[in-house]
């Protein structure tokens, strides 16, 4: 769908302004699709992100701070997200053996199972919505990374 139709406006200060709005709108749209599907599994997109991060280090444990810096949305309340994942028995919290003041998190078998299901759902969304060729995706990735060069 054209951005103009989606936001019901045809007035943009410039093509750069339109591109910025297009990126924001597309990110919101994709996040909404993913959130709706993850909800059927009892997960939020933030919980999915934490599980995905933990899987990347599995079977190692990770401290909350390290999980936080790897989040897609950095302003997420990681301790609260972890509390909810602990309640669902998808992760376990324990004390670090190296530093008794530090809390570490690890995936449970139940967390691994729900993550596998969630990955299938997210991959399906990507396959059905990101209708671009690999070369186009590479170009898009390069453009987006160039935008964030000063991050």
C-alpha atoms as a PDB file:
ATOM      1  CA  UNK A   1       0.000   0.000   0.000  1.00  0.00           C
ATOM      2  CA  UNK A   2       1.257   3.460  -0.825  1.00  0.00           C
ATOM      3  CA  UNK A   3       2.186   5.567   2.181  1.00  0.00           C
ATOM      4  CA  UNK A   4      -0.116   8.340   0.971  1.00  0.00           C
ATOM      5  CA  UNK A   5      -3.099   6.010   1.169  1.00  0.00           C
ATOM      6  CA  UNK A   6      -2.044   4.478   4.499  1.00  0.00           C
ATOM      7  CA  UNK A   7      -1.725   7.811   6.300  1.00  0.00           C
ATOM      8  CA  UNK A   8      -4.233   9.655   4.092  1.00  0.00           C
ATOM      9  CA  UNK A   9      -1.859  12.472   3.245  1.00  0.00           C
ATOM     10  CA  UNK A  10       0.006  13.515   0.136  1.00  0.00           C
ATOM     11  CA  UNK A  11       1.957  16.405   1.602  1.00  0.00           C
ATOM     12  CA  UNK A  12       5.571  15.752   2.512  1.00  0.00           C
ATOM     13  CA  UNK A  13       8.288  18.337   3.070  1.00  0.00           C
ATOM     14  CA  UNK A  14      10.679  16.285   0.906  1.00  0.00           C
ATOM     15  CA  UNK A  15      11.381  12.774  -0.297  1.00  0.00           C
ATOM     16  CA  UNK A  16      13.656  12.314   2.751  1.00  0.00           C
ATOM     17  CA  UNK A  17      10.759  13.287   5.009  1.00  0.00           C
ATOM     18  CA  UNK A  18       8.497  10.833   3.189  1.00  0.00           C
ATOM     19  CA  UNK A  19      11.172   8.117   3.470  1.00  0.00           C
ATOM     20  CA  UNK A  20      11.434   8.662   7.225  1.00  0.00           C
ATOM     21  CA  UNK A  21       7.670   8.392   7.635  1.00  0.00           C
ATOM     22  CA  UNK A  22       7.640   5.356   5.343  1.00  0.00           C
ATOM     23  CA  UNK A  23      10.225   3.602   7.525  1.00  0.00           C
ATOM     24  CA  UNK A  24       8.287   4.403  10.714  1.00  0.00           C
ATOM     25  CA  UNK A  25       4.967   3.293   9.236  1.00  0.00           C
ATOM     26  CA  UNK A  26       6.430   0.082   7.776  1.00  0.00           C
ATOM     27  CA  UNK A  27       8.135  -0.803  11.065  1.00  0.00           C
ATOM     28  CA  UNK A  28       4.860  -0.263  12.946  1.00  0.00           C
ATOM     29  CA  UNK A  29       2.940  -2.326  10.360  1.00  0.00           C
ATOM     30  CA  UNK A  30       5.368  -5.256  10.499  1.00  0.00           C
ATOM     31  CA  UNK A  31       5.567  -5.135  14.306  1.00  0.00           C
ATOM     32  CA  UNK A  32       1.757  -5.205  14.484  1.00  0.00           C
ATOM     33  CA  UNK A  33       1.553  -8.271  12.207  1.00  0.00           C
ATOM     34  CA  UNK A  34       4.157 -10.100  14.253  1.00  0.00           C
ATOM     35  CA  UNK A  35       2.580  -9.094  17.586  1.00  0.00           C
ATOM     36  CA  UNK A  36      -0.843 -10.359  16.506  1.00  0.00           C
ATOM     37  CA  UNK A  37       0.554 -13.770  15.572  1.00  0.00           C
ATOM     38  CA  UNK A  38       2.799 -14.078  18.639  1.00  0.00           C
ATOM     39  CA  UNK A  39      -0.213 -13.274  20.818  1.00  0.00           C
ATOM     40  CA  UNK A  40      -1.763 -16.586  19.698  1.00  0.00           C
ATOM     41  CA  UNK A  41       1.249 -18.284  21.327  1.00  0.00           C
ATOM     42  CA  UNK A  42       0.922 -16.194  24.480  1.00  0.00           C
ATOM     43  CA  UNK A  43       4.004 -14.086  23.712  1.00  0.00           C
ATOM     44  CA  UNK A  44       4.676 -10.410  23.162  1.00  0.00           C
ATOM     45  CA  UNK A  45       7.247  -9.312  20.597  1.00  0.00           C
ATOM     46  CA  UNK A  46       9.509  -8.218  23.475  1.00  0.00           C
ATOM     47  CA  UNK A  47       9.283 -11.676  25.079  1.00  0.00           C
ATOM     48  CA  UNK A  48      10.053 -13.256  21.706  1.00  0.00           C
ATOM     49  CA  UNK A  49      13.087 -10.995  21.388  1.00  0.00           C
ATOM     50  CA  UNK A  50      14.385 -12.016  24.841  1.00  0.00           C
ATOM     51  CA  UNK A  51      13.898 -15.710  24.041  1.00  0.00           C
ATOM     52  CA  UNK A  52      15.680 -15.251  20.702  1.00  0.00           C
ATOM     53  CA  UNK A  53      18.603 -13.508  22.407  1.00  0.00           C
ATOM     54  CA  UNK A  54      18.882 -16.277  25.027  1.00  0.00           C
ATOM     55  CA  UNK A  55      18.822 -18.938  22.306  1.00  0.00           C
ATOM     56  CA  UNK A  56      21.785 -17.222  20.651  1.00  0.00           C
ATOM     57  CA  UNK A  57      23.877 -17.874  23.773  1.00  0.00           C
ATOM     58  CA  UNK A  58      22.272 -21.187  24.783  1.00  0.00           C
ATOM     59  CA  UNK A  59      23.320 -23.217  26.755  1.00  0.00           C
ATOM     60  CA  UNK A  60      25.230 -20.328  28.342  1.00  0.00           C
ATOM     61  CA  UNK A  61      23.416 -18.094  30.805  1.00  0.00           C
ATOM     62  CA  UNK A  62      23.122 -14.350  30.272  1.00  0.00           C
ATOM     63  CA  UNK A  63      22.863 -11.460  32.697  1.00  0.00           C
ATOM     64  CA  UNK A  64      19.922  -9.095  32.377  1.00  0.00           C
ATOM     65  CA  UNK A  65      22.162  -6.191  31.326  1.00  0.00           C
ATOM     66  CA  UNK A  66      23.596  -8.162  28.381  1.00  0.00           C
ATOM     67  CA  UNK A  67      20.098  -9.117  27.254  1.00  0.00           C
ATOM     68  CA  UNK A  68      19.035  -5.460  27.439  1.00  0.00           C
ATOM     69  CA  UNK A  69      21.786  -4.182  25.153  1.00  0.00           C
ATOM     70  CA  UNK A  70      20.829  -6.739  22.492  1.00  0.00           C
ATOM     71  CA  UNK A  71      17.129  -5.852  22.457  1.00  0.00           C
ATOM     72  CA  UNK A  72      15.678  -4.430  19.252  1.00  0.00           C
ATOM     73  CA  UNK A  73      13.719  -1.908  21.324  1.00  0.00           C
ATOM     74  CA  UNK A  74      16.272  -0.721  23.844  1.00  0.00           C
ATOM     75  CA  UNK A  75      13.733   1.004  26.088  1.00  0.00           C
ATOM     76  CA  UNK A  76      12.089  -2.308  26.967  1.00  0.00           C
ATOM     77  CA  UNK A  77      11.792  -3.123  30.662  1.00  0.00           C
ATOM     78  CA  UNK A  78      13.886  -6.290  30.504  1.00  0.00           C
ATOM     79  CA  UNK A  79      13.521  -7.308  34.191  1.00  0.00           C
ATOM     80  CA  UNK A  80       9.715  -7.142  33.903  1.00  0.00           C
ATOM     81  CA  UNK A  81       9.774  -9.109  30.629  1.00  0.00           C
ATOM     82  CA  UNK A  82      11.942 -11.739  32.306  1.00  0.00           C
ATOM     83  CA  UNK A  83       9.571 -11.877  35.307  1.00  0.00           C
ATOM     84  CA  UNK A  84       6.739 -12.770  32.930  1.00  0.00           C
ATOM     85  CA  UNK A  85       8.845 -15.366  31.114  1.00  0.00           C
ATOM     86  CA  UNK A  86       9.793 -16.928  34.477  1.00  0.00           C
ATOM     87  CA  UNK A  87       6.092 -17.075  35.418  1.00  0.00           C
ATOM     88  CA  UNK A  88       5.400 -18.891  32.129  1.00  0.00           C
ATOM     89  CA  UNK A  89       8.331 -21.239  32.881  1.00  0.00           C
ATOM     90  CA  UNK A  90      10.078 -20.279  29.614  1.00  0.00           C
ATOM     91  CA  UNK A  91      13.240 -19.058  31.378  1.00  0.00           C
ATOM     92  CA  UNK A  92      14.948 -19.625  34.715  1.00  0.00           C
ATOM     93  CA  UNK A  93      16.636 -17.030  36.860  1.00  0.00           C
ATOM     94  CA  UNK A  94      19.638 -17.923  39.016  1.00  0.00           C
ATOM     95  CA  UNK A  95      22.639 -16.346  40.709  1.00  0.00           C
ATOM     96  CA  UNK A  96      25.848 -16.122  38.732  1.00  0.00           C
ATOM     97  CA  UNK A  97      28.560 -18.474  39.912  1.00  0.00           C
ATOM     98  CA  UNK A  98      31.226 -15.880  39.067  1.00  0.00           C
ATOM     99  CA  UNK A  99      29.550 -12.877  40.717  1.00  0.00           C
ATOM    100  CA  UNK A 100      26.976 -13.636  43.418  1.00  0.00           C
ATOM    101  CA  UNK A 101      25.485 -10.132  42.997  1.00  0.00           C
ATOM    102  CA  UNK A 102      24.542 -10.847  39.385  1.00  0.00           C
ATOM    103  CA  UNK A 103      21.371 -12.573  38.226  1.00  0.00           C
ATOM    104  CA  UNK A 104      21.628 -14.757  35.132  1.00  0.00           C
ATOM    105  CA  UNK A 105      18.912 -16.086  32.866  1.00  0.00           C
ATOM    106  CA  UNK A 106      18.688 -19.273  30.824  1.00  0.00           C
ATOM    107  CA  UNK A 107      16.132 -20.871  28.527  1.00  0.00           C
ATOM    108  CA  UNK A 108      14.088 -23.806  29.794  1.00  0.00           C
ATOM    109  CA  UNK A 109      13.006 -26.685  27.533  1.00  0.00           C
ATOM    110  CA  UNK A 110       9.535 -25.084  27.491  1.00  0.00           C
ATOM    111  CA  UNK A 111      11.088 -21.789  26.424  1.00  0.00           C
ATOM    112  CA  UNK A 112      12.974 -23.525  23.635  1.00  0.00           C
ATOM    113  CA  UNK A 113       9.758 -25.214  22.453  1.00  0.00           C
ATOM    114  CA  UNK A 114       7.710 -22.004  22.375  1.00  0.00           C
ATOM    115  CA  UNK A 115      10.581 -20.181  20.663  1.00  0.00           C
ATOM    116  CA  UNK A 116      10.698 -22.817  17.897  1.00  0.00           C
ATOM    117  CA  UNK A 117       6.958 -22.305  17.303  1.00  0.00           C
ATOM    118  CA  UNK A 118       7.347 -18.518  17.368  1.00  0.00           C
ATOM    119  CA  UNK A 119      10.231 -18.611  14.879  1.00  0.00           C
ATOM    120  CA  UNK A 120       8.044 -20.565  12.449  1.00  0.00           C
ATOM    121  CA  UNK A 121       5.338 -17.907  12.806  1.00  0.00           C
ATOM    122  CA  UNK A 122       7.740 -14.981  12.330  1.00  0.00           C
ATOM    123  CA  UNK A 123       9.503 -16.648   9.392  1.00  0.00           C
ATOM    124  CA  UNK A 124       6.124 -17.191   7.724  1.00  0.00           C
ATOM    125  CA  UNK A 125       5.248 -13.510   8.165  1.00  0.00           C
ATOM    126  CA  UNK A 126       8.576 -12.475   6.672  1.00  0.00           C
ATOM    127  CA  UNK A 127       8.103 -14.848   3.730  1.00  0.00           C
ATOM    128  CA  UNK A 128       4.588 -13.556   3.049  1.00  0.00           C
ATOM    129  CA  UNK A 129       5.171  -9.833   3.584  1.00  0.00           C
ATOM    130  CA  UNK A 130       8.763  -9.064   2.627  1.00  0.00           C
ATOM    131  CA  UNK A 131       8.147  -9.537  -1.049  1.00  0.00           C
ATOM    132  CA  UNK A 132      11.533  -8.464  -2.337  1.00  0.00           C
ATOM    133  CA  UNK A 133      14.419 -10.262  -3.996  1.00  0.00           C
ATOM    134  CA  UNK A 134      17.605 -11.089  -2.056  1.00  0.00           C
ATOM    135  CA  UNK A 135      19.559  -8.421  -3.957  1.00  0.00           C
ATOM    136  CA  UNK A 136      16.884  -5.832  -3.099  1.00  0.00           C
ATOM    137  CA  UNK A 137      16.989  -6.927   0.535  1.00  0.00           C
ATOM    138  CA  UNK A 138      20.762  -6.509   0.520  1.00  0.00           C
ATOM    139  CA  UNK A 139      20.398  -2.983  -0.887  1.00  0.00           C
ATOM    140  CA  UNK A 140      17.699  -2.134   1.663  1.00  0.00           C
ATOM    141  CA  UNK A 141      19.879  -3.465   4.499  1.00  0.00           C
ATOM    142  CA  UNK A 142      22.785  -1.354   3.302  1.00  0.00           C
ATOM    143  CA  UNK A 143      20.630   1.791   3.073  1.00  0.00           C
ATOM    144  CA  UNK A 144      19.182   1.272   6.551  1.00  0.00           C
ATOM    145  CA  UNK A 145      22.598   0.559   8.065  1.00  0.00           C
ATOM    146  CA  UNK A 146      23.990   3.699   6.415  1.00  0.00           C
ATOM    147  CA  UNK A 147      21.188   5.689   8.071  1.00  0.00           C
ATOM    148  CA  UNK A 148      22.202   4.331  11.491  1.00  0.00           C
ATOM    149  CA  UNK A 149      25.912   4.931  10.974  1.00  0.00           C
ATOM    150  CA  UNK A 150      25.944   7.622  13.692  1.00  0.00           C
ATOM    151  CA  UNK A 151      24.075   5.435  16.221  1.00  0.00           C
END
